[in-house]
C-alpha cells in the first residue's frame, strides 16, 4: 500500500479506524493515537429518546391487550362470568348460624358471662321457663322463684266499737299512728313490734261532739283520742270540754281521691285529716296531691 493511500484513507495495518463525516469523508486526526468517538452533526437522523419512548409505549399496549385477551378466553372456556362487586343490599344474606361448620369453631353461640348459668331451665313442655321462675327437680313444673308477698289486711268500714288501722293511699304499707303523743304516719307491718302495732290501732267511737261522726280512741292508751290543735294532730286525754270534743270528732266522707275514705273535721268543715312530711294534720284539699294525702284505706288491725 502506497503512502498516498495511507494518507488519504488513513488506513494502515494495526491502526485505528478513522472517524468519518456524515458524507462518508474521513475527518482529519492523528491516526493510531486517538480513539475518535462518533458524534453525529446536527440534522443527522438518529434513534432519539422520543423514538424509544414510542417504541416502549407500543410494546406496553401490546402486552396489556394480550393479557386481557387471554383472561377473557380463559373465562369463556371455564363458563365462569367475570367477578363483580357485591353490595350488602336486601338480596344479600350473611351466612346463618346453621350454615356454618360448628366443628371448625364457627357458628357457635356467644360465650356466657362469668357466673351465668350454662343451660336454661325448661318447663314441662320442654320450652324455656319464663323469666323469674325456676323448675323443680321432678316433673319440671315451673314454680315461682320467690314467695308471694304477705296478704294485705282486708278493708273494713268504720263501725262503732271496731278496732281499725288507717293506711294512706299515697303510702302503701304505712299506717296512721301516735308516737310521743303526736299523730304521724310510719311504715307498719306484720313484722313490726307489738308497740308499733298498738300505736297504729284505734277503736272507733261515736263522735264526742256528734252522733253522726266518729272519734278515734287509742287502744293502748284508753281515754286518749286523736284531736287537732293549731291544725296539728295529737293524742290527748279527753278533758270533757266542748272544744276537745269538737277537735276530736271527724265525719266520714267518700275519699277525695275518688275512692276509700276521707275524714273531715267537725269544727273546721273545709279541712280534712291528712299527712305532710309524715306529720298528721288537718288542712284544705285544694289539688290532687292534697286530696290523695287526705284519703285513707280503712284496714283491719295487725
C-alpha atoms as a PDB file:
ATOM      1  CA  UNK A   1       0.000   0.000   0.000  1.00  0.00           C
ATOM      2  CA  UNK A   2       1.405   3.373  -1.015  1.00  0.00           C
ATOM      3  CA  UNK A   3       1.904   6.310   1.261  1.00  0.00           C
ATOM      4  CA  UNK A   4      -0.693   8.232  -0.731  1.00  0.00           C
ATOM      5  CA  UNK A   5      -3.380   5.664   0.060  1.00  0.00           C
ATOM      6  CA  UNK A   6      -2.402   5.649   3.680  1.00  0.00           C
ATOM      7  CA  UNK A   7      -2.613   9.427   3.909  1.00  0.00           C
ATOM      8  CA  UNK A   8      -5.887   9.731   2.090  1.00  0.00           C
ATOM      9  CA  UNK A   9      -7.776   6.944   3.738  1.00  0.00           C
ATOM     10  CA  UNK A  10      -5.761   6.929   6.944  1.00  0.00           C
ATOM     11  CA  UNK A  11      -5.640   3.113   6.890  1.00  0.00           C
ATOM     12  CA  UNK A  12      -2.738   1.038   7.997  1.00  0.00           C
ATOM     13  CA  UNK A  13      -2.301  -2.390   9.419  1.00  0.00           C
ATOM     14  CA  UNK A  14      -2.777  -2.369  13.212  1.00  0.00           C
ATOM     15  CA  UNK A  15      -4.033   1.231  13.198  1.00  0.00           C
ATOM     16  CA  UNK A  16      -7.303   2.768  14.363  1.00  0.00           C
ATOM     17  CA  UNK A  17     -10.361   3.096  12.226  1.00  0.00           C
ATOM     18  CA  UNK A  18     -10.695   6.788  11.470  1.00  0.00           C
ATOM     19  CA  UNK A  19     -13.891   8.665  12.097  1.00  0.00           C
ATOM     20  CA  UNK A  20     -15.988   9.836   9.174  1.00  0.00           C
ATOM     21  CA  UNK A  21     -18.207  12.770   8.493  1.00  0.00           C
ATOM     22  CA  UNK A  22     -21.845  12.480   7.609  1.00  0.00           C
ATOM     23  CA  UNK A  23     -20.989  12.358   3.888  1.00  0.00           C
ATOM     24  CA  UNK A  24     -18.548   9.462   4.366  1.00  0.00           C
ATOM     25  CA  UNK A  25     -15.369  11.601   4.301  1.00  0.00           C
ATOM     26  CA  UNK A  26     -12.771  10.880   6.924  1.00  0.00           C
ATOM     27  CA  UNK A  27     -12.116  13.627   9.418  1.00  0.00           C
ATOM     28  CA  UNK A  28      -8.512  14.649   9.898  1.00  0.00           C
ATOM     29  CA  UNK A  29      -6.831  13.418  13.008  1.00  0.00           C
ATOM     30  CA  UNK A  30      -3.895  11.585  14.378  1.00  0.00           C
ATOM     31  CA  UNK A  31      -4.404   8.034  13.175  1.00  0.00           C
ATOM     32  CA  UNK A  32      -3.354   5.426  15.696  1.00  0.00           C
ATOM     33  CA  UNK A  33      -3.009   7.809  18.601  1.00  0.00           C
ATOM     34  CA  UNK A  34      -6.632   8.881  19.280  1.00  0.00           C
ATOM     35  CA  UNK A  35      -9.760   6.851  19.803  1.00  0.00           C
ATOM     36  CA  UNK A  36     -12.266   9.007  17.982  1.00  0.00           C
ATOM     37  CA  UNK A  37     -15.874   8.773  19.240  1.00  0.00           C
ATOM     38  CA  UNK A  38     -18.612   9.229  16.721  1.00  0.00           C
ATOM     39  CA  UNK A  39     -20.811  12.260  17.391  1.00  0.00           C
ATOM     40  CA  UNK A  40     -23.238  12.942  14.576  1.00  0.00           C
ATOM     41  CA  UNK A  41     -23.537  16.537  13.467  1.00  0.00           C
ATOM     42  CA  UNK A  42     -26.791  18.438  13.868  1.00  0.00           C
ATOM     43  CA  UNK A  43     -29.528  17.393  11.421  1.00  0.00           C
ATOM     44  CA  UNK A  44     -28.416  13.776  11.112  1.00  0.00           C
ATOM     45  CA  UNK A  45     -31.221  11.244  11.850  1.00  0.00           C
ATOM     46  CA  UNK A  46     -30.657   9.117  14.964  1.00  0.00           C
ATOM     47  CA  UNK A  47     -32.686   6.906  17.352  1.00  0.00           C
ATOM     48  CA  UNK A  48     -33.804   9.782  19.634  1.00  0.00           C
ATOM     49  CA  UNK A  49     -35.337   9.400  23.137  1.00  0.00           C
ATOM     50  CA  UNK A  50     -38.780  10.223  21.783  1.00  0.00           C
ATOM     51  CA  UNK A  51     -38.429   7.414  19.307  1.00  0.00           C
ATOM     52  CA  UNK A  52     -37.511   4.986  22.096  1.00  0.00           C
ATOM     53  CA  UNK A  53     -40.449   6.094  24.283  1.00  0.00           C
ATOM     54  CA  UNK A  54     -42.845   5.478  21.437  1.00  0.00           C
ATOM     55  CA  UNK A  55     -41.429   2.011  20.950  1.00  0.00           C
ATOM     56  CA  UNK A  56     -41.814   1.229  24.656  1.00  0.00           C
ATOM     57  CA  UNK A  57     -45.404   2.532  24.738  1.00  0.00           C
ATOM     58  CA  UNK A  58     -46.365   0.370  21.782  1.00  0.00           C
ATOM     59  CA  UNK A  59     -44.809  -2.647  23.430  1.00  0.00           C
ATOM     60  CA  UNK A  60     -46.683  -1.990  26.703  1.00  0.00           C
ATOM     61  CA  UNK A  61     -50.040  -1.654  24.951  1.00  0.00           C
ATOM     62  CA  UNK A  62     -49.394  -4.876  23.105  1.00  0.00           C
ATOM     63  CA  UNK A  63     -48.701  -6.740  26.365  1.00  0.00           C
ATOM     64  CA  UNK A  64     -51.863  -5.387  28.009  1.00  0.00           C
ATOM     65  CA  UNK A  65     -54.021  -6.362  25.040  1.00  0.00           C
ATOM     66  CA  UNK A  66     -52.530  -9.836  25.084  1.00  0.00           C
ATOM     67  CA  UNK A  67     -53.202 -10.304  28.835  1.00  0.00           C
ATOM     68  CA  UNK A  68     -56.824  -9.098  28.555  1.00  0.00           C
ATOM     69  CA  UNK A  69     -57.461 -11.364  25.589  1.00  0.00           C
ATOM     70  CA  UNK A  70     -56.006 -14.345  27.431  1.00  0.00           C
ATOM     71  CA  UNK A  71     -58.141 -13.651  30.520  1.00  0.00           C
ATOM     72  CA  UNK A  72     -61.377 -13.379  28.532  1.00  0.00           C
ATOM     73  CA  UNK A  73     -60.569 -16.570  26.702  1.00  0.00           C
ATOM     74  CA  UNK A  74     -59.976 -18.449  29.962  1.00  0.00           C
ATOM     75  CA  UNK A  75     -63.333 -17.336  31.420  1.00  0.00           C
ATOM     76  CA  UNK A  76     -65.137 -18.328  28.252  1.00  0.00           C
ATOM     77  CA  UNK A  77     -63.578 -21.769  28.335  1.00  0.00           C
ATOM     78  CA  UNK A  78     -64.470 -22.290  32.009  1.00  0.00           C
ATOM     79  CA  UNK A  79     -68.031 -20.893  31.715  1.00  0.00           C
ATOM     80  CA  UNK A  80     -67.463 -18.511  34.672  1.00  0.00           C
ATOM     81  CA  UNK A  81     -68.550 -14.908  34.455  1.00  0.00           C
ATOM     82  CA  UNK A  82     -66.067 -12.250  35.466  1.00  0.00           C
ATOM     83  CA  UNK A  83     -66.219 -11.387  39.174  1.00  0.00           C
ATOM     84  CA  UNK A  84     -68.318  -8.366  40.138  1.00  0.00           C
ATOM     85  CA  UNK A  85     -68.540  -6.493  43.395  1.00  0.00           C
ATOM     86  CA  UNK A  86     -71.383  -7.488  45.740  1.00  0.00           C
ATOM     87  CA  UNK A  87     -73.176  -4.830  47.733  1.00  0.00           C
ATOM     88  CA  UNK A  88     -74.887  -5.649  51.011  1.00  0.00           C
ATOM     89  CA  UNK A  89     -78.364  -4.975  49.672  1.00  0.00           C
ATOM     90  CA  UNK A  90     -81.690  -6.605  50.545  1.00  0.00           C
ATOM     91  CA  UNK A  91     -80.962  -9.662  48.399  1.00  0.00           C
ATOM     92  CA  UNK A  92     -77.633 -10.373  50.032  1.00  0.00           C
ATOM     93  CA  UNK A  93     -77.792 -12.528  53.159  1.00  0.00           C
ATOM     94  CA  UNK A  94     -74.953 -13.074  55.574  1.00  0.00           C
ATOM     95  CA  UNK A  95     -74.283 -16.727  56.471  1.00  0.00           C
ATOM     96  CA  UNK A  96     -76.677 -18.021  59.065  1.00  0.00           C
ATOM     97  CA  UNK A  97     -75.524 -19.889  62.153  1.00  0.00           C
ATOM     98  CA  UNK A  98     -76.943 -23.185  60.880  1.00  0.00           C
ATOM     99  CA  UNK A  99     -74.975 -22.810  57.612  1.00  0.00           C
ATOM    100  CA  UNK A 100     -71.636 -22.618  59.385  1.00  0.00           C
ATOM    101  CA  UNK A 101     -69.415 -25.524  60.237  1.00  0.00           C
ATOM    102  CA  UNK A 102     -69.609 -25.776  64.010  1.00  0.00           C
ATOM    103  CA  UNK A 103     -66.926 -28.429  64.033  1.00  0.00           C
ATOM    104  CA  UNK A 104     -64.482 -25.765  62.923  1.00  0.00           C
ATOM    105  CA  UNK A 105     -65.491 -23.465  65.761  1.00  0.00           C
ATOM    106  CA  UNK A 106     -67.825 -21.327  63.622  1.00  0.00           C
ATOM    107  CA  UNK A 107     -71.437 -20.537  64.258  1.00  0.00           C
ATOM    108  CA  UNK A 108     -71.270 -21.315  67.960  1.00  0.00           C
ATOM    109  CA  UNK A 109     -73.227 -19.287  70.486  1.00  0.00           C
ATOM    110  CA  UNK A 110     -71.577 -16.363  72.200  1.00  0.00           C
ATOM    111  CA  UNK A 111     -69.943 -17.319  75.472  1.00  0.00           C
ATOM    112  CA  UNK A 112     -71.967 -16.594  78.594  1.00  0.00           C
ATOM    113  CA  UNK A 113     -70.579 -14.014  81.037  1.00  0.00           C
ATOM    114  CA  UNK A 114     -68.806 -15.310  84.135  1.00  0.00           C
ATOM    115  CA  UNK A 115     -71.216 -16.646  86.724  1.00  0.00           C
ATOM    116  CA  UNK A 116     -74.125 -17.063  84.303  1.00  0.00           C
ATOM    117  CA  UNK A 117     -75.849 -20.486  84.098  1.00  0.00           C
ATOM    118  CA  UNK A 118     -74.753 -22.589  81.162  1.00  0.00           C
ATOM    119  CA  UNK A 119     -78.182 -24.098  80.475  1.00  0.00           C
ATOM    120  CA  UNK A 120     -81.660 -22.607  80.643  1.00  0.00           C
ATOM    121  CA  UNK A 121     -84.359 -24.117  82.796  1.00  0.00           C
ATOM    122  CA  UNK A 122     -87.254 -25.651  80.898  1.00  0.00           C
ATOM    123  CA  UNK A 123     -90.823 -26.180  81.924  1.00  0.00           C
ATOM    124  CA  UNK A 124     -92.945 -29.308  81.490  1.00  0.00           C
ATOM    125  CA  UNK A 125     -93.401 -28.641  77.763  1.00  0.00           C
ATOM    126  CA  UNK A 126     -89.671 -28.605  77.066  1.00  0.00           C
ATOM    127  CA  UNK A 127     -89.666 -24.854  76.466  1.00  0.00           C
ATOM    128  CA  UNK A 128     -87.523 -22.413  78.480  1.00  0.00           C
ATOM    129  CA  UNK A 129     -89.165 -21.396  81.726  1.00  0.00           C
ATOM    130  CA  UNK A 130     -90.426 -17.827  81.980  1.00  0.00           C
ATOM    131  CA  UNK A 131     -88.031 -15.242  83.471  1.00  0.00           C
ATOM    132  CA  UNK A 132     -88.139 -15.140  87.265  1.00  0.00           C
ATOM    133  CA  UNK A 133     -89.311 -18.753  87.513  1.00  0.00           C
ATOM    134  CA  UNK A 134     -87.478 -21.943  88.359  1.00  0.00           C
ATOM    135  CA  UNK A 135     -88.207 -25.639  87.871  1.00  0.00           C
ATOM    136  CA  UNK A 136     -88.292 -28.366  90.460  1.00  0.00           C
ATOM    137  CA  UNK A 137     -86.182 -31.452  90.142  1.00  0.00           C
ATOM    138  CA  UNK A 138     -89.057 -33.853  89.488  1.00  0.00           C
ATOM    139  CA  UNK A 139     -91.693 -33.068  86.918  1.00  0.00           C
ATOM    140  CA  UNK A 140     -90.091 -29.907  85.586  1.00  0.00           C
ATOM    141  CA  UNK A 141     -93.079 -27.771  86.546  1.00  0.00           C
ATOM    142  CA  UNK A 142     -92.318 -24.062  86.752  1.00  0.00           C
ATOM    143  CA  UNK A 143     -92.631 -22.612  90.251  1.00  0.00           C
ATOM    144  CA  UNK A 144     -92.251 -19.019  91.485  1.00  0.00           C
ATOM    145  CA  UNK A 145     -88.648 -18.100  92.271  1.00  0.00           C
ATOM    146  CA  UNK A 146     -89.715 -16.024  95.279  1.00  0.00           C
ATOM    147  CA  UNK A 147     -92.728 -16.446  97.556  1.00  0.00           C
ATOM    148  CA  UNK A 148     -95.619 -14.025  97.048  1.00  0.00           C
ATOM    149  CA  UNK A 149     -95.815 -11.041  99.403  1.00  0.00           C
ATOM    150  CA  UNK A 150     -97.811 -11.347 102.582  1.00  0.00           C
ATOM    151  CA  UNK A 151    -101.504 -10.719 102.189  1.00  0.00           C
ATOM    152  CA  UNK A 152    -102.641  -7.173 102.914  1.00  0.00           C
ATOM    153  CA  UNK A 153    -105.139  -6.879 105.767  1.00  0.00           C
ATOM    154  CA  UNK A 154    -108.683  -6.592 104.406  1.00  0.00           C
ATOM    155  CA  UNK A 155    -110.526  -3.331 104.219  1.00  0.00           C
ATOM    156  CA  UNK A 156    -113.247  -2.700 106.752  1.00  0.00           C
ATOM    157  CA  UNK A 157    -115.765   0.023 107.402  1.00  0.00           C
ATOM    158  CA  UNK A 158    -115.929   2.493 110.234  1.00  0.00           C
ATOM    159  CA  UNK A 159    -118.101   0.677 112.720  1.00  0.00           C
ATOM    160  CA  UNK A 160    -118.554   1.915 116.259  1.00  0.00           C
ATOM    161  CA  UNK A 161    -116.743  -0.414 118.616  1.00  0.00           C
ATOM    162  CA  UNK A 162    -114.432  -1.906 115.941  1.00  0.00           C
ATOM    163  CA  UNK A 163    -110.660  -1.635 116.050  1.00  0.00           C
ATOM    164  CA  UNK A 164    -109.145  -0.331 112.804  1.00  0.00           C
ATOM    165  CA  UNK A 165    -105.999   0.943 111.170  1.00  0.00           C
ATOM    166  CA  UNK A 166    -105.741   3.809 108.671  1.00  0.00           C
ATOM    167  CA  UNK A 167    -103.460   3.341 105.644  1.00  0.00           C
ATOM    168  CA  UNK A 168    -102.798   6.442 103.462  1.00  0.00           C
ATOM    169  CA  UNK A 169    -103.373   5.737  99.763  1.00  0.00           C
ATOM    170  CA  UNK A 170    -100.174   7.645  98.971  1.00  0.00           C
ATOM    171  CA  UNK A 171     -98.011   5.305 101.102  1.00  0.00           C
ATOM    172  CA  UNK A 172     -98.865   1.628 100.846  1.00  0.00           C
ATOM    173  CA  UNK A 173     -97.673  -0.238 103.943  1.00  0.00           C
ATOM    174  CA  UNK A 174     -97.822   2.865 106.159  1.00  0.00           C
ATOM    175  CA  UNK A 175    -100.306   3.454 108.988  1.00  0.00           C
ATOM    176  CA  UNK A 176    -101.596   6.387 110.967  1.00  0.00           C
ATOM    177  CA  UNK A 177    -100.116   6.037 114.452  1.00  0.00           C
ATOM    178  CA  UNK A 178     -99.193   8.078 117.526  1.00  0.00           C
ATOM    179  CA  UNK A 179     -95.635   8.425 118.728  1.00  0.00           C
ATOM    180  CA  UNK A 180     -94.694  10.592 121.699  1.00  0.00           C
ATOM    181  CA  UNK A 181     -98.387  11.618 121.655  1.00  0.00           C
ATOM    182  CA  UNK A 182     -98.093  13.170 118.184  1.00  0.00           C
ATOM    183  CA  UNK A 183    -100.029  11.876 115.201  1.00  0.00           C
ATOM    184  CA  UNK A 184     -97.955  10.738 112.175  1.00  0.00           C
ATOM    185  CA  UNK A 185     -97.635   8.014 109.525  1.00  0.00           C
ATOM    186  CA  UNK A 186     -94.929   5.343 109.622  1.00  0.00           C
ATOM    187  CA  UNK A 187     -94.308   2.000 107.894  1.00  0.00           C
ATOM    188  CA  UNK A 188     -96.107  -0.630 109.996  1.00  0.00           C
ATOM    189  CA  UNK A 189     -96.457  -4.287 109.033  1.00  0.00           C
ATOM    190  CA  UNK A 190     -96.885  -7.786 110.365  1.00  0.00           C
ATOM    191  CA  UNK A 191     -93.193  -7.827 111.291  1.00  0.00           C
ATOM    192  CA  UNK A 192     -93.338  -4.621 113.318  1.00  0.00           C
ATOM    193  CA  UNK A 193     -93.030  -4.612 117.089  1.00  0.00           C
ATOM    194  CA  UNK A 194     -96.094  -5.044 119.260  1.00  0.00           C
ATOM    195  CA  UNK A 195     -95.720  -1.454 120.477  1.00  0.00           C
ATOM    196  CA  UNK A 196     -95.764  -0.057 116.937  1.00  0.00           C
ATOM    197  CA  UNK A 197     -98.774  -2.201 116.047  1.00  0.00           C
ATOM    198  CA  UNK A 198    -100.625  -0.986 119.149  1.00  0.00           C
ATOM    199  CA  UNK A 199     -99.743   2.646 118.374  1.00  0.00           C
ATOM    200  CA  UNK A 200    -101.292   2.176 114.910  1.00  0.00           C
ATOM    201  CA  UNK A 201    -104.580   0.671 116.158  1.00  0.00           C
ATOM    202  CA  UNK A 202    -107.618   2.785 117.096  1.00  0.00           C
ATOM    203  CA  UNK A 203    -111.057   1.913 118.416  1.00  0.00           C
ATOM    204  CA  UNK A 204    -113.953   3.579 116.599  1.00  0.00           C
ATOM    205  CA  UNK A 205    -116.167   5.582 118.962  1.00  0.00           C
ATOM    206  CA  UNK A 206    -119.282   7.565 118.341  1.00  0.00           C
ATOM    207  CA  UNK A 207    -118.302  11.174 117.781  1.00  0.00           C
ATOM    208  CA  UNK A 208    -117.741  13.020 121.057  1.00  0.00           C
ATOM    209  CA  UNK A 209    -119.415  16.117 119.580  1.00  0.00           C
ATOM    210  CA  UNK A 210    -121.812  14.472 117.074  1.00  0.00           C
ATOM    211  CA  UNK A 211    -123.522  11.102 116.881  1.00  0.00           C
ATOM    212  CA  UNK A 212    -123.308  11.282 113.060  1.00  0.00           C
ATOM    213  CA  UNK A 213    -119.492  11.324 113.109  1.00  0.00           C
ATOM    214  CA  UNK A 214    -116.644   9.405 114.743  1.00  0.00           C
ATOM    215  CA  UNK A 215    -113.843   9.768 117.260  1.00  0.00           C
ATOM    216  CA  UNK A 216    -110.702   7.579 117.282  1.00  0.00           C
ATOM    217  CA  UNK A 217    -109.529   6.305 120.668  1.00  0.00           C
ATOM    218  CA  UNK A 218    -106.079   4.801 121.226  1.00  0.00           C
ATOM    219  CA  UNK A 219    -106.223   1.079 122.125  1.00  0.00           C
ATOM    220  CA  UNK A 220    -103.026   1.162 124.214  1.00  0.00           C
ATOM    221  CA  UNK A 221    -103.935   4.489 125.867  1.00  0.00           C
ATOM    222  CA  UNK A 222    -107.646   4.220 126.688  1.00  0.00           C
ATOM    223  CA  UNK A 223    -109.333   7.588 127.158  1.00  0.00           C
ATOM    224  CA  UNK A 224    -106.869   9.272 124.762  1.00  0.00           C
ATOM    225  CA  UNK A 225    -108.150  10.431 121.367  1.00  0.00           C
ATOM    226  CA  UNK A 226    -106.752  11.829 118.161  1.00  0.00           C
ATOM    227  CA  UNK A 227    -107.568  15.563 118.127  1.00  0.00           C
ATOM    228  CA  UNK A 228    -106.300  18.602 116.226  1.00  0.00           C
ATOM    229  CA  UNK A 229    -104.702  21.583 117.950  1.00  0.00           C
ATOM    230  CA  UNK A 230    -103.321  24.509 115.907  1.00  0.00           C
ATOM    231  CA  UNK A 231    -104.109  22.275 112.896  1.00  0.00           C
ATOM    232  CA  UNK A 232    -101.653  19.594 114.061  1.00  0.00           C
ATOM    233  CA  UNK A 233    -102.984  16.218 115.240  1.00  0.00           C
ATOM    234  CA  UNK A 234    -102.054  14.864 118.686  1.00  0.00           C
ATOM    235  CA  UNK A 235    -103.110  12.092 121.043  1.00  0.00           C
ATOM    236  CA  UNK A 236    -104.605  13.788 124.104  1.00  0.00           C
ATOM    237  CA  UNK A 237    -106.683  12.673 127.066  1.00  0.00           C
ATOM    238  CA  UNK A 238    -110.307  13.732 126.819  1.00  0.00           C
ATOM    239  CA  UNK A 239    -110.929  16.583 129.288  1.00  0.00           C
ATOM    240  CA  UNK A 240    -114.736  16.771 128.911  1.00  0.00           C
ATOM    241  CA  UNK A 241    -114.689  20.213 127.278  1.00  0.00           C
ATOM    242  CA  UNK A 242    -116.754  21.118 124.230  1.00  0.00           C
ATOM    243  CA  UNK A 243    -113.588  22.290 122.467  1.00  0.00           C
ATOM    244  CA  UNK A 244    -111.858  18.953 122.962  1.00  0.00           C
ATOM    245  CA  UNK A 245    -114.951  17.035 121.845  1.00  0.00           C
ATOM    246  CA  UNK A 246    -115.192  19.102 118.662  1.00  0.00           C
ATOM    247  CA  UNK A 247    -111.439  18.841 117.956  1.00  0.00           C
ATOM    248  CA  UNK A 248    -111.620  15.032 118.349  1.00  0.00           C
ATOM    249  CA  UNK A 249    -114.651  14.475 116.087  1.00  0.00           C
ATOM    250  CA  UNK A 250    -114.329  13.625 112.371  1.00  0.00           C
ATOM    251  CA  UNK A 251    -117.045  12.933 109.828  1.00  0.00           C
ATOM    252  CA  UNK A 252    -116.526  10.193 107.230  1.00  0.00           C
ATOM    253  CA  UNK A 253    -116.814  11.099 103.534  1.00  0.00           C
ATOM    254  CA  UNK A 254    -116.064   9.416 100.248  1.00  0.00           C
ATOM    255  CA  UNK A 255    -112.346   9.553  99.632  1.00  0.00           C
ATOM    256  CA  UNK A 256    -111.272  12.800  97.977  1.00  0.00           C
ATOM    257  CA  UNK A 257    -109.042  10.731  95.646  1.00  0.00           C
ATOM    258  CA  UNK A 258    -112.217   9.100  94.245  1.00  0.00           C
ATOM    259  CA  UNK A 259    -112.448   6.061  96.495  1.00  0.00           C
ATOM    260  CA  UNK A 260    -111.922   4.834 100.080  1.00  0.00           C
ATOM    261  CA  UNK A 261    -112.473   7.292 102.965  1.00  0.00           C
ATOM    262  CA  UNK A 262    -111.641  10.847 103.977  1.00  0.00           C
ATOM    263  CA  UNK A 263    -112.190  12.245 107.489  1.00  0.00           C
ATOM    264  CA  UNK A 264    -113.457  15.838 107.670  1.00  0.00           C
ATOM    265  CA  UNK A 265    -113.000  17.956 110.794  1.00  0.00           C
ATOM    266  CA  UNK A 266    -116.301  18.707 112.521  1.00  0.00           C
ATOM    267  CA  UNK A 267    -115.461  22.243 113.649  1.00  0.00           C
ATOM    268  CA  UNK A 268    -113.362  23.067 110.524  1.00  0.00           C
ATOM    269  CA  UNK A 269    -115.513  21.544 107.775  1.00  0.00           C
ATOM    270  CA  UNK A 270    -113.235  22.820 104.982  1.00  0.00           C
ATOM    271  CA  UNK A 271    -110.276  20.823 106.412  1.00  0.00           C
ATOM    272  CA  UNK A 272    -109.549  17.114 106.306  1.00  0.00           C
ATOM    273  CA  UNK A 273    -107.289  14.752 108.194  1.00  0.00           C
ATOM    274  CA  UNK A 274    -104.152  14.334 106.053  1.00  0.00           C
ATOM    275  CA  UNK A 275    -100.380  13.997 106.250  1.00  0.00           C
ATOM    276  CA  UNK A 276     -97.435  16.069 105.147  1.00  0.00           C
ATOM    277  CA  UNK A 277     -93.782  15.115 105.719  1.00  0.00           C
ATOM    278  CA  UNK A 278     -95.022  12.181 107.860  1.00  0.00           C
ATOM    279  CA  UNK A 279     -96.857  14.556 110.224  1.00  0.00           C
ATOM    280  CA  UNK A 280    -100.604  14.210 110.708  1.00  0.00           C
ATOM    281  CA  UNK A 281    -102.633  17.419 110.478  1.00  0.00           C
ATOM    282  CA  UNK A 282    -105.879  18.904 109.157  1.00  0.00           C
ATOM    283  CA  UNK A 283    -105.799  21.140 106.084  1.00  0.00           C
ATOM    284  CA  UNK A 284    -107.754  22.080 102.998  1.00  0.00           C
ATOM    285  CA  UNK A 285    -107.578  19.827  99.934  1.00  0.00           C
ATOM    286  CA  UNK A 286    -107.111  22.213  97.031  1.00  0.00           C
ATOM    287  CA  UNK A 287    -105.345  19.995  94.476  1.00  0.00           C
ATOM    288  CA  UNK A 288    -104.973  16.352  93.524  1.00  0.00           C
ATOM    289  CA  UNK A 289    -101.886  15.935  95.704  1.00  0.00           C
ATOM    290  CA  UNK A 290    -103.575  17.115  98.913  1.00  0.00           C
ATOM    291  CA  UNK A 291    -106.780  15.221  98.041  1.00  0.00           C
ATOM    292  CA  UNK A 292    -104.768  11.989  97.816  1.00  0.00           C
ATOM    293  CA  UNK A 293    -102.965  12.801 101.065  1.00  0.00           C
ATOM    294  CA  UNK A 294    -106.396  13.173 102.716  1.00  0.00           C
ATOM    295  CA  UNK A 295    -107.627   9.745 101.573  1.00  0.00           C
ATOM    296  CA  UNK A 296    -107.211   6.592 103.685  1.00  0.00           C
ATOM    297  CA  UNK A 297    -107.961   2.891 103.372  1.00  0.00           C
ATOM    298  CA  UNK A 298    -109.676   1.520 106.495  1.00  0.00           C
ATOM    299  CA  UNK A 299    -107.766  -1.666 107.365  1.00  0.00           C
ATOM    300  CA  UNK A 300    -108.146  -4.406 109.942  1.00  0.00           C
ATOM    301  CA  UNK A 301    -105.500  -4.125 112.667  1.00  0.00           C
ATOM    302  CA  UNK A 302    -102.418  -6.341 112.753  1.00  0.00           C
END
